[in-house]
Amino acid sequence: IAALRERVEPRYWQVVLKRLMYRAASDIARRTRAHALVTGEAIGQVSS
């Protein structure tokens, strides 16, 4: 997050943060042999 705040344009922070979370989750999924990721996203609930 510190790196994101320093280098990414603020209006894209939320979207890039979610990308980083997806990448991190994908790495953990490989360790746990999970076939899918599950998120609580709902259309239009927040800006991202």
ModelCIF file with pLDDT and N, C-alpha, C, O atoms, coordinates in Angstrom:
data_MODEL
#
_entry.id   MODEL 
#
_entity.id                         1 
_entity.type                       polymer 
_entity.pdbx_number_of_molecules   1 
#
_entity_poly.entity_id                      1 
_entity_poly.type                           'polypeptide(L)' 
_entity_poly.nstd_linkage                   no 
_entity_poly.nstd_monomer                   no 
_entity_poly.pdbx_seq_one_letter_code       IAALRERVEPRYWQVVLKRLMYRAASDIARRTRAHALVTGEAIGQVSS 
_entity_poly.pdbx_seq_one_letter_code_can   IAALRERVEPRYWQVVLKRLMYRAASDIARRTRAHALVTGEAIGQVSS 
_entity_poly.pdbx_strand_id                 A 
#
loop_
_entity_poly_seq.entity_id 
_entity_poly_seq.num 
_entity_poly_seq.mon_id 
_entity_poly_seq.hetero 
1 1  ILE n 
1 2  ALA n 
1 3  ALA n 
1 4  LEU n 
1 5  ARG n 
1 6  GLU n 
1 7  ARG n 
1 8  VAL n 
1 9  GLU n 
1 10 PRO n 
1 11 ARG n 
1 12 TYR n 
1 13 TRP n 
1 14 GLN n 
1 15 VAL n 
1 16 VAL n 
1 17 LEU n 
1 18 LYS n 
1 19 ARG n 
1 20 LEU n 
1 21 MET n 
1 22 TYR n 
1 23 ARG n 
1 24 ALA n 
1 25 ALA n 
1 26 SER n 
1 27 ASP n 
1 28 ILE n 
1 29 ALA n 
1 30 ARG n 
1 31 ARG n 
1 32 THR n 
1 33 ARG n 
1 34 ALA n 
1 35 HIS n 
1 36 ALA n 
1 37 LEU n 
1 38 VAL n 
1 39 THR n 
1 40 GLY n 
1 41 GLU n 
1 42 ALA n 
1 43 ILE n 
1 44 GLY n 
1 45 GLN n 
1 46 VAL n 
1 47 SER n 
1 48 SER n 
#
_struct_asym.id          A 
_struct_asym.entity_id   1 
#
loop_
_ma_qa_metric.id 
_ma_qa_metric.mode 
_ma_qa_metric.name 
_ma_qa_metric.software_group_id 
_ma_qa_metric.type 
1 global pLDDT . pLDDT 
2 local  pLDDT . pLDDT 
#
_ma_qa_metric_global.metric_id      1 
_ma_qa_metric_global.metric_value   91.21 
_ma_qa_metric_global.model_id       1 
_ma_qa_metric_global.ordinal_id     1 
#
loop_
_ma_qa_metric_local.label_asym_id 
_ma_qa_metric_local.label_comp_id 
_ma_qa_metric_local.label_seq_id 
_ma_qa_metric_local.metric_id 
_ma_qa_metric_local.metric_value 
_ma_qa_metric_local.model_id 
_ma_qa_metric_local.ordinal_id 
A ILE 1  2 92.00 1 1  
A ALA 2  2 91.00 1 2  
A ALA 3  2 93.00 1 3  
A LEU 4  2 92.00 1 4  
A ARG 5  2 90.00 1 5  
A GLU 6  2 91.00 1 6  
A ARG 7  2 92.00 1 7  
A VAL 8  2 91.00 1 8  
A GLU 9  2 89.00 1 9  
A PRO 10 2 88.00 1 10 
A ARG 11 2 87.00 1 11 
A TYR 12 2 89.00 1 12 
A TRP 13 2 89.00 1 13 
A GLN 14 2 89.00 1 14 
A VAL 15 2 91.00 1 15 
A VAL 16 2 92.00 1 16 
A LEU 17 2 93.00 1 17 
A LYS 18 2 93.00 1 18 
A ARG 19 2 93.00 1 19 
A LEU 20 2 95.00 1 20 
A MET 21 2 95.00 1 21 
A TYR 22 2 96.00 1 22 
A ARG 23 2 95.00 1 23 
A ALA 24 2 96.00 1 24 
A ALA 25 2 96.00 1 25 
A SER 26 2 96.00 1 26 
A ASP 27 2 95.00 1 27 
A ILE 28 2 96.00 1 28 
A ALA 29 2 96.00 1 29 
A ARG 30 2 95.00 1 30 
A ARG 31 2 94.00 1 31 
A THR 32 2 93.00 1 32 
A ARG 33 2 95.00 1 33 
A ALA 34 2 96.00 1 34 
A HIS 35 2 95.00 1 35 
A ALA 36 2 97.00 1 36 
A LEU 37 2 97.00 1 37 
A VAL 38 2 97.00 1 38 
A THR 39 2 95.00 1 39 
A GLY 40 2 93.00 1 40 
A GLU 41 2 92.00 1 41 
A ALA 42 2 91.00 1 42 
A ILE 43 2 89.00 1 43 
A GLY 44 2 80.00 1 44 
A GLN 45 2 76.00 1 45 
A VAL 46 2 74.00 1 46 
A SER 47 2 72.00 1 47 
A SER 48 2 76.00 1 48 
#
loop_
_atom_site.group_PDB 
_atom_site.id 
_atom_site.type_symbol 
_atom_site.label_atom_id 
_atom_site.label_alt_id 
_atom_site.label_comp_id 
_atom_site.label_asym_id 
_atom_site.label_entity_id 
_atom_site.label_seq_id 
_atom_site.pdbx_PDB_ins_code 
_atom_site.Cartn_x 
_atom_site.Cartn_y 
_atom_site.Cartn_z 
_atom_site.occupancy 
_atom_site.B_iso_or_equiv 
_atom_site.pdbx_formal_charge 
_atom_site.auth_seq_id 
_atom_site.auth_comp_id 
_atom_site.auth_asym_id 
_atom_site.auth_atom_id 
_atom_site.pdbx_PDB_model_num 
ATOM 1   N N  . ILE A 1 1  ? 0.837   -1.205  0.000  1.00 92.00 ? 1  ILE A N  1 
ATOM 2   C CA . ILE A 1 1  ? 0.000   0.000   0.000  1.00 92.00 ? 1  ILE A CA 1 
ATOM 3   C C  . ILE A 1 1  ? 0.869   1.251   0.000  1.00 92.00 ? 1  ILE A C  1 
ATOM 4   O O  . ILE A 1 1  ? 0.551   2.230   -0.675 1.00 92.00 ? 1  ILE A O  1 
ATOM 5   N N  . ALA A 1 2  ? 1.969   1.223   0.756  1.00 91.00 ? 2  ALA A N  1 
ATOM 6   C CA . ALA A 1 2  ? 2.870   2.378   0.777  1.00 91.00 ? 2  ALA A CA 1 
ATOM 7   C C  . ALA A 1 2  ? 3.433   2.643   -0.613 1.00 91.00 ? 2  ALA A C  1 
ATOM 8   O O  . ALA A 1 2  ? 3.525   3.794   -1.040 1.00 91.00 ? 2  ALA A O  1 
ATOM 9   N N  . ALA A 1 3  ? 3.811   1.578   -1.320 1.00 93.00 ? 3  ALA A N  1 
ATOM 10  C CA . ALA A 1 3  ? 4.341   1.734   -2.678 1.00 93.00 ? 3  ALA A CA 1 
ATOM 11  C C  . ALA A 1 3  ? 3.261   2.245   -3.625 1.00 93.00 ? 3  ALA A C  1 
ATOM 12  O O  . ALA A 1 3  ? 3.527   3.088   -4.481 1.00 93.00 ? 3  ALA A O  1 
ATOM 13  N N  . LEU A 1 4  ? 2.051   1.737   -3.470 1.00 92.00 ? 4  LEU A N  1 
ATOM 14  C CA . LEU A 1 4  ? 0.935   2.166   -4.307 1.00 92.00 ? 4  LEU A CA 1 
ATOM 15  C C  . LEU A 1 4  ? 0.659   3.663   -4.118 1.00 92.00 ? 4  LEU A C  1 
ATOM 16  O O  . LEU A 1 4  ? 0.475   4.396   -5.090 1.00 92.00 ? 4  LEU A O  1 
ATOM 17  N N  . ARG A 1 5  ? 0.633   4.102   -2.863 1.00 90.00 ? 5  ARG A N  1 
ATOM 18  C CA . ARG A 1 5  ? 0.383   5.522   -2.578 1.00 90.00 ? 5  ARG A CA 1 
ATOM 19  C C  . ARG A 1 5  ? 1.463   6.418   -3.188 1.00 90.00 ? 5  ARG A C  1 
ATOM 20  O O  . ARG A 1 5  ? 1.192   7.542   -3.610 1.00 90.00 ? 5  ARG A O  1 
ATOM 21  N N  . GLU A 1 6  ? 2.669   5.906   -3.225 1.00 91.00 ? 6  GLU A N  1 
ATOM 22  C CA . GLU A 1 6  ? 3.797   6.703   -3.696 1.00 91.00 ? 6  GLU A CA 1 
ATOM 23  C C  . GLU A 1 6  ? 3.841   6.814   -5.224 1.00 91.00 ? 6  GLU A C  1 
ATOM 24  O O  . GLU A 1 6  ? 4.270   7.841   -5.751 1.00 91.00 ? 6  GLU A O  1 
ATOM 25  N N  . ARG A 1 7  ? 3.403   5.770   -5.944 1.00 92.00 ? 7  ARG A N  1 
ATOM 26  C CA . ARG A 1 7  ? 3.679   5.708   -7.374 1.00 92.00 ? 7  ARG A CA 1 
ATOM 27  C C  . ARG A 1 7  ? 2.447   5.719   -8.279 1.00 92.00 ? 7  ARG A C  1 
ATOM 28  O O  . ARG A 1 7  ? 2.548   6.087   -9.449 1.00 92.00 ? 7  ARG A O  1 
ATOM 29  N N  . VAL A 1 8  ? 1.298   5.324   -7.760 1.00 91.00 ? 8  VAL A N  1 
ATOM 30  C CA . VAL A 1 8  ? 0.113   5.187   -8.611 1.00 91.00 ? 8  VAL A CA 1 
ATOM 31  C C  . VAL A 1 8  ? -0.762  6.439   -8.505 1.00 91.00 ? 8  VAL A C  1 
ATOM 32  O O  . VAL A 1 8  ? -0.853  7.059   -7.445 1.00 91.00 ? 8  VAL A O  1 
ATOM 33  N N  . GLU A 1 9  ? -1.395  6.793   -9.606 1.00 89.00 ? 9  GLU A N  1 
ATOM 34  C CA . GLU A 1 9  ? -2.301  7.936   -9.615 1.00 89.00 ? 9  GLU A CA 1 
ATOM 35  C C  . GLU A 1 9  ? -3.462  7.669   -8.650 1.00 89.00 ? 9  GLU A C  1 
ATOM 36  O O  . GLU A 1 9  ? -4.086  6.612   -8.734 1.00 89.00 ? 9  GLU A O  1 
ATOM 37  N N  . PRO A 1 10 ? -3.770  8.608   -7.729 1.00 88.00 ? 10 PRO A N  1 
ATOM 38  C CA . PRO A 1 10 ? -4.746  8.359   -6.660 1.00 88.00 ? 10 PRO A CA 1 
ATOM 39  C C  . PRO A 1 10 ? -6.104  7.836   -7.127 1.00 88.00 ? 10 PRO A C  1 
ATOM 40  O O  . PRO A 1 10 ? -6.703  7.002   -6.448 1.00 88.00 ? 10 PRO A O  1 
ATOM 41  N N  . ARG A 1 11 ? -6.598  8.306   -8.266 1.00 87.00 ? 11 ARG A N  1 
ATOM 42  C CA . ARG A 1 11 ? -7.939  7.871   -8.670 1.00 87.00 ? 11 ARG A CA 1 
ATOM 43  C C  . ARG A 1 11 ? -7.968  6.402   -9.074 1.00 87.00 ? 11 ARG A C  1 
ATOM 44  O O  . ARG A 1 11 ? -9.042  5.815   -9.207 1.00 87.00 ? 11 ARG A O  1 
ATOM 45  N N  . TYR A 1 12 ? -6.793  5.804   -9.271 1.00 89.00 ? 12 TYR A N  1 
ATOM 46  C CA . TYR A 1 12 ? -6.725  4.379   -9.621 1.00 89.00 ? 12 TYR A CA 1 
ATOM 47  C C  . TYR A 1 12 ? -6.312  3.508   -8.432 1.00 89.00 ? 12 TYR A C  1 
ATOM 48  O O  . TYR A 1 12 ? -6.151  2.297   -8.588 1.00 89.00 ? 12 TYR A O  1 
ATOM 49  N N  . TRP A 1 13 ? -6.141  4.093   -7.266 1.00 89.00 ? 13 TRP A N  1 
ATOM 50  C CA . TRP A 1 13 ? -5.660  3.332   -6.118 1.00 89.00 ? 13 TRP A CA 1 
ATOM 51  C C  . TRP A 1 13 ? -6.536  2.117   -5.820 1.00 89.00 ? 13 TRP A C  1 
ATOM 52  O O  . TRP A 1 13 ? -6.019  1.020   -5.608 1.00 89.00 ? 13 TRP A O  1 
ATOM 53  N N  . GLN A 1 14 ? -7.863  2.304   -5.800 1.00 89.00 ? 14 GLN A N  1 
ATOM 54  C CA . GLN A 1 14 ? -8.755  1.212   -5.411 1.00 89.00 ? 14 GLN A CA 1 
ATOM 55  C C  . GLN A 1 14 ? -8.662  0.038   -6.387 1.00 89.00 ? 14 GLN A C  1 
ATOM 56  O O  . GLN A 1 14 ? -8.632  -1.123  -5.981 1.00 89.00 ? 14 GLN A O  1 
ATOM 57  N N  . VAL A 1 15 ? -8.618  0.363   -7.679 1.00 91.00 ? 15 VAL A N  1 
ATOM 58  C CA . VAL A 1 15 ? -8.595  -0.689  -8.683 1.00 91.00 ? 15 VAL A CA 1 
ATOM 59  C C  . VAL A 1 15 ? -7.259  -1.427  -8.666 1.00 91.00 ? 15 VAL A C  1 
ATOM 60  O O  . VAL A 1 15 ? -7.225  -2.654  -8.752 1.00 91.00 ? 15 VAL A O  1 
ATOM 61  N N  . VAL A 1 16 ? -6.164  -0.685  -8.555 1.00 92.00 ? 16 VAL A N  1 
ATOM 62  C CA . VAL A 1 16 ? -4.851  -1.331  -8.508 1.00 92.00 ? 16 VAL A CA 1 
ATOM 63  C C  . VAL A 1 16 ? -4.705  -2.144  -7.223 1.00 92.00 ? 16 VAL A C  1 
ATOM 64  O O  . VAL A 1 16 ? -4.103  -3.218  -7.237 1.00 92.00 ? 16 VAL A O  1 
ATOM 65  N N  . LEU A 1 17 ? -5.252  -1.643  -6.109 1.00 93.00 ? 17 LEU A N  1 
ATOM 66  C CA . LEU A 1 17 ? -5.220  -2.399  -4.856 1.00 93.00 ? 17 LEU A CA 1 
ATOM 67  C C  . LEU A 1 17 ? -5.915  -3.747  -5.028 1.00 93.00 ? 17 LEU A C  1 
ATOM 68  O O  . LEU A 1 17 ? -5.395  -4.771  -4.584 1.00 93.00 ? 17 LEU A O  1 
ATOM 69  N N  . LYS A 1 18 ? -7.083  -3.758  -5.669 1.00 93.00 ? 18 LYS A N  1 
ATOM 70  C CA . LYS A 1 18 ? -7.787  -5.014  -5.883 1.00 93.00 ? 18 LYS A CA 1 
ATOM 71  C C  . LYS A 1 18 ? -6.966  -5.949  -6.769 1.00 93.00 ? 18 LYS A C  1 
ATOM 72  O O  . LYS A 1 18 ? -6.966  -7.162  -6.562 1.00 93.00 ? 18 LYS A O  1 
ATOM 73  N N  . ARG A 1 19 ? -6.274  -5.391  -7.747 1.00 93.00 ? 19 ARG A N  1 
ATOM 74  C CA . ARG A 1 19 ? -5.401  -6.231  -8.582 1.00 93.00 ? 19 ARG A CA 1 
ATOM 75  C C  . ARG A 1 19 ? -4.319  -6.896  -7.737 1.00 93.00 ? 19 ARG A C  1 
ATOM 76  O O  . ARG A 1 19 ? -4.066  -8.093  -7.871 1.00 93.00 ? 19 ARG A O  1 
ATOM 77  N N  . LEU A 1 20 ? -3.688  -6.120  -6.873 1.00 95.00 ? 20 LEU A N  1 
ATOM 78  C CA . LEU A 1 20 ? -2.641  -6.683  -6.022 1.00 95.00 ? 20 LEU A CA 1 
ATOM 79  C C  . LEU A 1 20 ? -3.210  -7.777  -5.124 1.00 95.00 ? 20 LEU A C  1 
ATOM 80  O O  . LEU A 1 20 ? -2.552  -8.787  -4.874 1.00 95.00 ? 20 LEU A O  1 
ATOM 81  N N  . MET A 1 21 ? -4.432  -7.573  -4.643 1.00 95.00 ? 21 MET A N  1 
ATOM 82  C CA . MET A 1 21 ? -5.066  -8.592  -3.810 1.00 95.00 ? 21 MET A CA 1 
ATOM 83  C C  . MET A 1 21 ? -5.342  -9.861  -4.612 1.00 95.00 ? 21 MET A C  1 
ATOM 84  O O  . MET A 1 21 ? -5.165  -10.968 -4.103 1.00 95.00 ? 21 MET A O  1 
ATOM 85  N N  . TYR A 1 22 ? -5.770  -9.705  -5.850 1.00 96.00 ? 22 TYR A N  1 
ATOM 86  C CA . TYR A 1 22 ? -6.001  -10.869 -6.698 1.00 96.00 ? 22 TYR A CA 1 
ATOM 87  C C  . TYR A 1 22 ? -4.701  -11.636 -6.941 1.00 96.00 ? 22 TYR A C  1 
ATOM 88  O O  . TYR A 1 22 ? -4.685  -12.867 -6.917 1.00 96.00 ? 22 TYR A O  1 
ATOM 89  N N  . ARG A 1 23 ? -3.614  -10.902 -7.174 1.00 95.00 ? 23 ARG A N  1 
ATOM 90  C CA . ARG A 1 23 ? -2.325  -11.568 -7.403 1.00 95.00 ? 23 ARG A CA 1 
ATOM 91  C C  . ARG A 1 23 ? -1.875  -12.312 -6.144 1.00 95.00 ? 23 ARG A C  1 
ATOM 92  O O  . ARG A 1 23 ? -1.396  -13.444 -6.221 1.00 95.00 ? 23 ARG A O  1 
ATOM 93  N N  . ALA A 1 24 ? -2.030  -11.673 -4.995 1.00 96.00 ? 24 ALA A N  1 
ATOM 94  C CA . ALA A 1 24 ? -1.644  -12.324 -3.744 1.00 96.00 ? 24 ALA A CA 1 
ATOM 95  C C  . ALA A 1 24 ? -2.500  -13.564 -3.494 1.00 96.00 ? 24 ALA A C  1 
ATOM 96  O O  . ALA A 1 24 ? -1.989  -14.611 -3.099 1.00 96.00 ? 24 ALA A O  1 
ATOM 97  N N  . ALA A 1 25 ? -3.810  -13.435 -3.729 1.00 96.00 ? 25 ALA A N  1 
ATOM 98  C CA . ALA A 1 25 ? -4.712  -14.565 -3.518 1.00 96.00 ? 25 ALA A CA 1 
ATOM 99  C C  . ALA A 1 25 ? -4.375  -15.715 -4.470 1.00 96.00 ? 25 ALA A C  1 
ATOM 100 O O  . ALA A 1 25 ? -4.451  -16.881 -4.083 1.00 96.00 ? 25 ALA A O  1 
ATOM 101 N N  . SER A 1 26 ? -4.003  -15.394 -5.714 1.00 96.00 ? 26 SER A N  1 
ATOM 102 C CA . SER A 1 26 ? -3.635  -16.437 -6.664 1.00 96.00 ? 26 SER A CA 1 
ATOM 103 C C  . SER A 1 26 ? -2.411  -17.205 -6.185 1.00 96.00 ? 26 SER A C  1 
ATOM 104 O O  . SER A 1 26 ? -2.333  -18.422 -6.355 1.00 96.00 ? 26 SER A O  1 
ATOM 105 N N  . ASP A 1 27 ? -1.453  -16.497 -5.586 1.00 95.00 ? 27 ASP A N  1 
ATOM 106 C CA . ASP A 1 27 ? -0.255  -17.155 -5.063 1.00 95.00 ? 27 ASP A CA 1 
ATOM 107 C C  . ASP A 1 27 ? -0.622  -18.111 -3.927 1.00 95.00 ? 27 ASP A C  1 
ATOM 108 O O  . ASP A 1 27 ? -0.146  -19.246 -3.889 1.00 95.00 ? 27 ASP A O  1 
ATOM 109 N N  . ILE A 1 28 ? -1.474  -17.647 -2.995 1.00 96.00 ? 28 ILE A N  1 
ATOM 110 C CA . ILE A 1 28 ? -1.897  -18.515 -1.888 1.00 96.00 ? 28 ILE A CA 1 
ATOM 111 C C  . ILE A 1 28 ? -2.723  -19.684 -2.409 1.00 96.00 ? 28 ILE A C  1 
ATOM 112 O O  . ILE A 1 28 ? -2.625  -20.795 -1.888 1.00 96.00 ? 28 ILE A O  1 
ATOM 113 N N  . ALA A 1 29 ? -3.546  -19.439 -3.445 1.00 96.00 ? 29 ALA A N  1 
ATOM 114 C CA . ALA A 1 29 ? -4.366  -20.515 -4.020 1.00 96.00 ? 29 ALA A CA 1 
ATOM 115 C C  . ALA A 1 29 ? -3.495  -21.633 -4.579 1.00 96.00 ? 29 ALA A C  1 
ATOM 116 O O  . ALA A 1 29 ? -3.859  -22.806 -4.495 1.00 96.00 ? 29 ALA A O  1 
ATOM 117 N N  . ARG A 1 30 ? -2.349  -21.275 -5.146 1.00 95.00 ? 30 ARG A N  1 
ATOM 118 C CA . ARG A 1 30 ? -1.439  -22.311 -5.644 1.00 95.00 ? 30 ARG A CA 1 
ATOM 119 C C  . ARG A 1 30 ? -0.922  -23.157 -4.489 1.00 95.00 ? 30 ARG A C  1 
ATOM 120 O O  . ARG A 1 30 ? -0.762  -24.370 -4.629 1.00 95.00 ? 30 ARG A O  1 
ATOM 121 N N  . ARG A 1 31 ? -0.663  -22.531 -3.360 1.00 94.00 ? 31 ARG A N  1 
ATOM 122 C CA . ARG A 1 31 ? -0.158  -23.272 -2.204 1.00 94.00 ? 31 ARG A CA 1 
ATOM 123 C C  . ARG A 1 31 ? -1.236  -24.205 -1.636 1.00 94.00 ? 31 ARG A C  1 
ATOM 124 O O  . ARG A 1 31 ? -0.929  -25.311 -1.190 1.00 94.00 ? 31 ARG A O  1 
ATOM 125 N N  . THR A 1 32 ? -2.490  -23.759 -1.655 1.00 93.00 ? 32 THR A N  1 
ATOM 126 C CA . THR A 1 32 ? -3.578  -24.543 -1.061 1.00 93.00 ? 32 THR A CA 1 
ATOM 127 C C  . THR A 1 32 ? -4.266  -25.453 -2.064 1.00 93.00 ? 32 THR A C  1 
ATOM 128 O O  . THR A 1 32 ? -5.172  -26.208 -1.711 1.00 93.00 ? 32 THR A O  1 
ATOM 129 N N  . ARG A 1 33 ? -3.824  -25.376 -3.345 1.00 95.00 ? 33 ARG A N  1 
ATOM 130 C CA . ARG A 1 33 ? -4.415  -26.165 -4.422 1.00 95.00 ? 33 ARG A CA 1 
ATOM 131 C C  . ARG A 1 33 ? -5.894  -25.840 -4.602 1.00 95.00 ? 33 ARG A C  1 
ATOM 132 O O  . ARG A 1 33 ? -6.708  -26.722 -4.876 1.00 95.00 ? 33 ARG A O  1 
ATOM 133 N N  . ALA A 1 34 ? -6.225  -24.580 -4.447 1.00 96.00 ? 34 ALA A N  1 
ATOM 134 C CA . ALA A 1 34 ? -7.603  -24.131 -4.647 1.00 96.00 ? 34 ALA A CA 1 
ATOM 135 C C  . ALA A 1 34 ? -7.866  -23.933 -6.133 1.00 96.00 ? 34 ALA A C  1 
ATOM 136 O O  . ALA A 1 34 ? -7.016  -23.415 -6.857 1.00 96.00 ? 34 ALA A O  1 
ATOM 137 N N  . HIS A 1 35 ? -9.037  -24.342 -6.581 1.00 95.00 ? 35 HIS A N  1 
ATOM 138 C CA . HIS A 1 35 ? -9.389  -24.235 -7.992 1.00 95.00 ? 35 HIS A CA 1 
ATOM 139 C C  . HIS A 1 35 ? -9.958  -22.866 -8.354 1.00 95.00 ? 35 HIS A C  1 
ATOM 140 O O  . HIS A 1 35 ? -9.975  -22.494 -9.527 1.00 95.00 ? 35 HIS A O  1 
ATOM 141 N N  . ALA A 1 36 ? -10.423 -22.114 -7.355 1.00 97.00 ? 36 ALA A N  1 
ATOM 142 C CA . ALA A 1 36 ? -11.076 -20.834 -7.643 1.00 97.00 ? 36 ALA A CA 1 
ATOM 143 C C  . ALA A 1 36 ? -10.863 -19.869 -6.496 1.00 97.00 ? 36 ALA A C  1 
ATOM 144 O O  . ALA A 1 36 ? -10.592 -20.277 -5.367 1.00 97.00 ? 36 ALA A O  1 
ATOM 145 N N  . LEU A 1 37 ? -10.990 -18.576 -6.796 1.00 97.00 ? 37 LEU A N  1 
ATOM 146 C CA . LEU A 1 37 ? -11.021 -17.519 -5.792 1.00 97.00 ? 37 LEU A CA 1 
ATOM 147 C C  . LEU A 1 37 ? -12.469 -17.103 -5.573 1.00 97.00 ? 37 LEU A C  1 
ATOM 148 O O  . LEU A 1 37 ? -13.283 -17.158 -6.495 1.00 97.00 ? 37 LEU A O  1 
ATOM 149 N N  . VAL A 1 38 ? -12.787 -16.689 -4.356 1.00 97.00 ? 38 VAL A N  1 
ATOM 150 C CA . VAL A 1 38 ? -14.144 -16.252 -4.020 1.00 97.00 ? 38 VAL A CA 1 
ATOM 151 C C  . VAL A 1 38 ? -14.072 -14.839 -3.465 1.00 97.00 ? 38 VAL A C  1 
ATOM 152 O O  . VAL A 1 38 ? -13.300 -14.577 -2.543 1.00 97.00 ? 38 VAL A O  1 
ATOM 153 N N  . THR A 1 39 ? -14.870 -13.921 -4.016 1.00 95.00 ? 39 THR A N  1 
ATOM 154 C CA . THR A 1 39 ? -14.897 -12.541 -3.525 1.00 95.00 ? 39 THR A CA 1 
ATOM 155 C C  . THR A 1 39 ? -16.333 -12.128 -3.211 1.00 95.00 ? 39 THR A C  1 
ATOM 156 O O  . THR A 1 39 ? -17.291 -12.754 -3.666 1.00 95.00 ? 39 THR A O  1 
ATOM 157 N N  . GLY A 1 40 ? -16.458 -11.077 -2.433 1.00 93.00 ? 40 GLY A N  1 
ATOM 158 C CA . GLY A 1 40 ? -17.775 -10.549 -2.069 1.00 93.00 ? 40 GLY A CA 1 
ATOM 159 C C  . GLY A 1 40 ? -18.217 -9.400  -2.949 1.00 93.00 ? 40 GLY A C  1 
ATOM 160 O O  . GLY A 1 40 ? -19.064 -8.604  -2.544 1.00 93.00 ? 40 GLY A O  1 
ATOM 161 N N  . GLU A 1 41 ? -17.666 -9.298  -4.139 1.00 92.00 ? 41 GLU A N  1 
ATOM 162 C CA . GLU A 1 41 ? -17.988 -8.171  -5.020 1.00 92.00 ? 41 GLU A CA 1 
ATOM 163 C C  . GLU A 1 41 ? -19.428 -8.241  -5.515 1.00 92.00 ? 41 GLU A C  1 
ATOM 164 O O  . GLU A 1 41 ? -19.946 -9.315  -5.819 1.00 92.00 ? 41 GLU A O  1 
ATOM 165 N N  . ALA A 1 42 ? -20.067 -7.061  -5.589 1.00 91.00 ? 42 ALA A N  1 
ATOM 166 C CA . ALA A 1 42 ? -21.429 -6.930  -6.121 1.00 91.00 ? 42 ALA A CA 1 
ATOM 167 C C  . ALA A 1 42 ? -21.455 -5.704  -7.023 1.00 91.00 ? 42 ALA A C  1 
ATOM 168 O O  . ALA A 1 42 ? -20.855 -4.677  -6.707 1.00 91.00 ? 42 ALA A O  1 
ATOM 169 N N  . ILE A 1 43 ? -22.141 -5.816  -8.128 1.00 89.00 ? 43 ILE A N  1 
ATOM 170 C CA . ILE A 1 43 ? -22.133 -4.749  -9.131 1.00 89.00 ? 43 ILE A CA 1 
ATOM 171 C C  . ILE A 1 43 ? -22.561 -3.409  -8.526 1.00 89.00 ? 43 ILE A C  1 
ATOM 172 O O  . ILE A 1 43 ? -23.639 -3.285  -7.946 1.00 89.00 ? 43 ILE A O  1 
ATOM 173 N N  . GLY A 1 44 ? -21.691 -2.418  -8.677 1.00 80.00 ? 44 GLY A N  1 
ATOM 174 C CA . GLY A 1 44 ? -22.033 -1.056  -8.303 1.00 80.00 ? 44 GLY A CA 1 
ATOM 175 C C  . GLY A 1 44 ? -22.062 -0.767  -6.819 1.00 80.00 ? 44 GLY A C  1 
ATOM 176 O O  . GLY A 1 44 ? -22.433 0.337   -6.423 1.00 80.00 ? 44 GLY A O  1 
ATOM 177 N N  . GLN A 1 45 ? -21.680 -1.731  -5.976 1.00 76.00 ? 45 GLN A N  1 
ATOM 178 C CA . GLN A 1 45 ? -21.763 -1.482  -4.540 1.00 76.00 ? 45 GLN A CA 1 
ATOM 179 C C  . GLN A 1 45 ? -20.727 -0.457  -4.078 1.00 76.00 ? 45 GLN A C  1 
ATOM 180 O O  . GLN A 1 45 ? -21.019 0.390   -3.235 1.00 76.00 ? 45 GLN A O  1 
ATOM 181 N N  . VAL A 1 46 ? -19.523 -0.538  -4.630 1.00 74.00 ? 46 VAL A N  1 
ATOM 182 C CA . VAL A 1 46 ? -18.504 0.485   -4.409 1.00 74.00 ? 46 VAL A CA 1 
ATOM 183 C C  . VAL A 1 46 ? -17.869 0.809   -5.756 1.00 74.00 ? 46 VAL A C  1 
ATOM 184 O O  . VAL A 1 46 ? -18.141 0.157   -6.764 1.00 74.00 ? 46 VAL A O  1 
ATOM 185 N N  . SER A 1 47 ? -17.021 1.825   -5.749 1.00 72.00 ? 47 SER A N  1 
ATOM 186 C CA . SER A 1 47 ? -16.492 2.347   -7.019 1.00 72.00 ? 47 SER A CA 1 
ATOM 187 C C  . SER A 1 47 ? -15.695 1.326   -7.812 1.00 72.00 ? 47 SER A C  1 
ATOM 188 O O  . SER A 1 47 ? -15.722 1.350   -9.042 1.00 72.00 ? 47 SER A O  1 
ATOM 189 N N  . SER A 1 48 ? -14.988 0.430   -7.139 1.00 76.00 ? 48 SER A N  1 
ATOM 190 C CA . SER A 1 48 ? -14.158 -0.535  -7.859 1.00 76.00 ? 48 SER A CA 1 
ATOM 191 C C  . SER A 1 48 ? -14.965 -1.686  -8.439 1.00 76.00 ? 48 SER A C  1 
ATOM 192 O O  . SER A 1 48 ? -14.401 -2.578  -9.072 1.00 76.00 ? 48 SER A O  1 
#
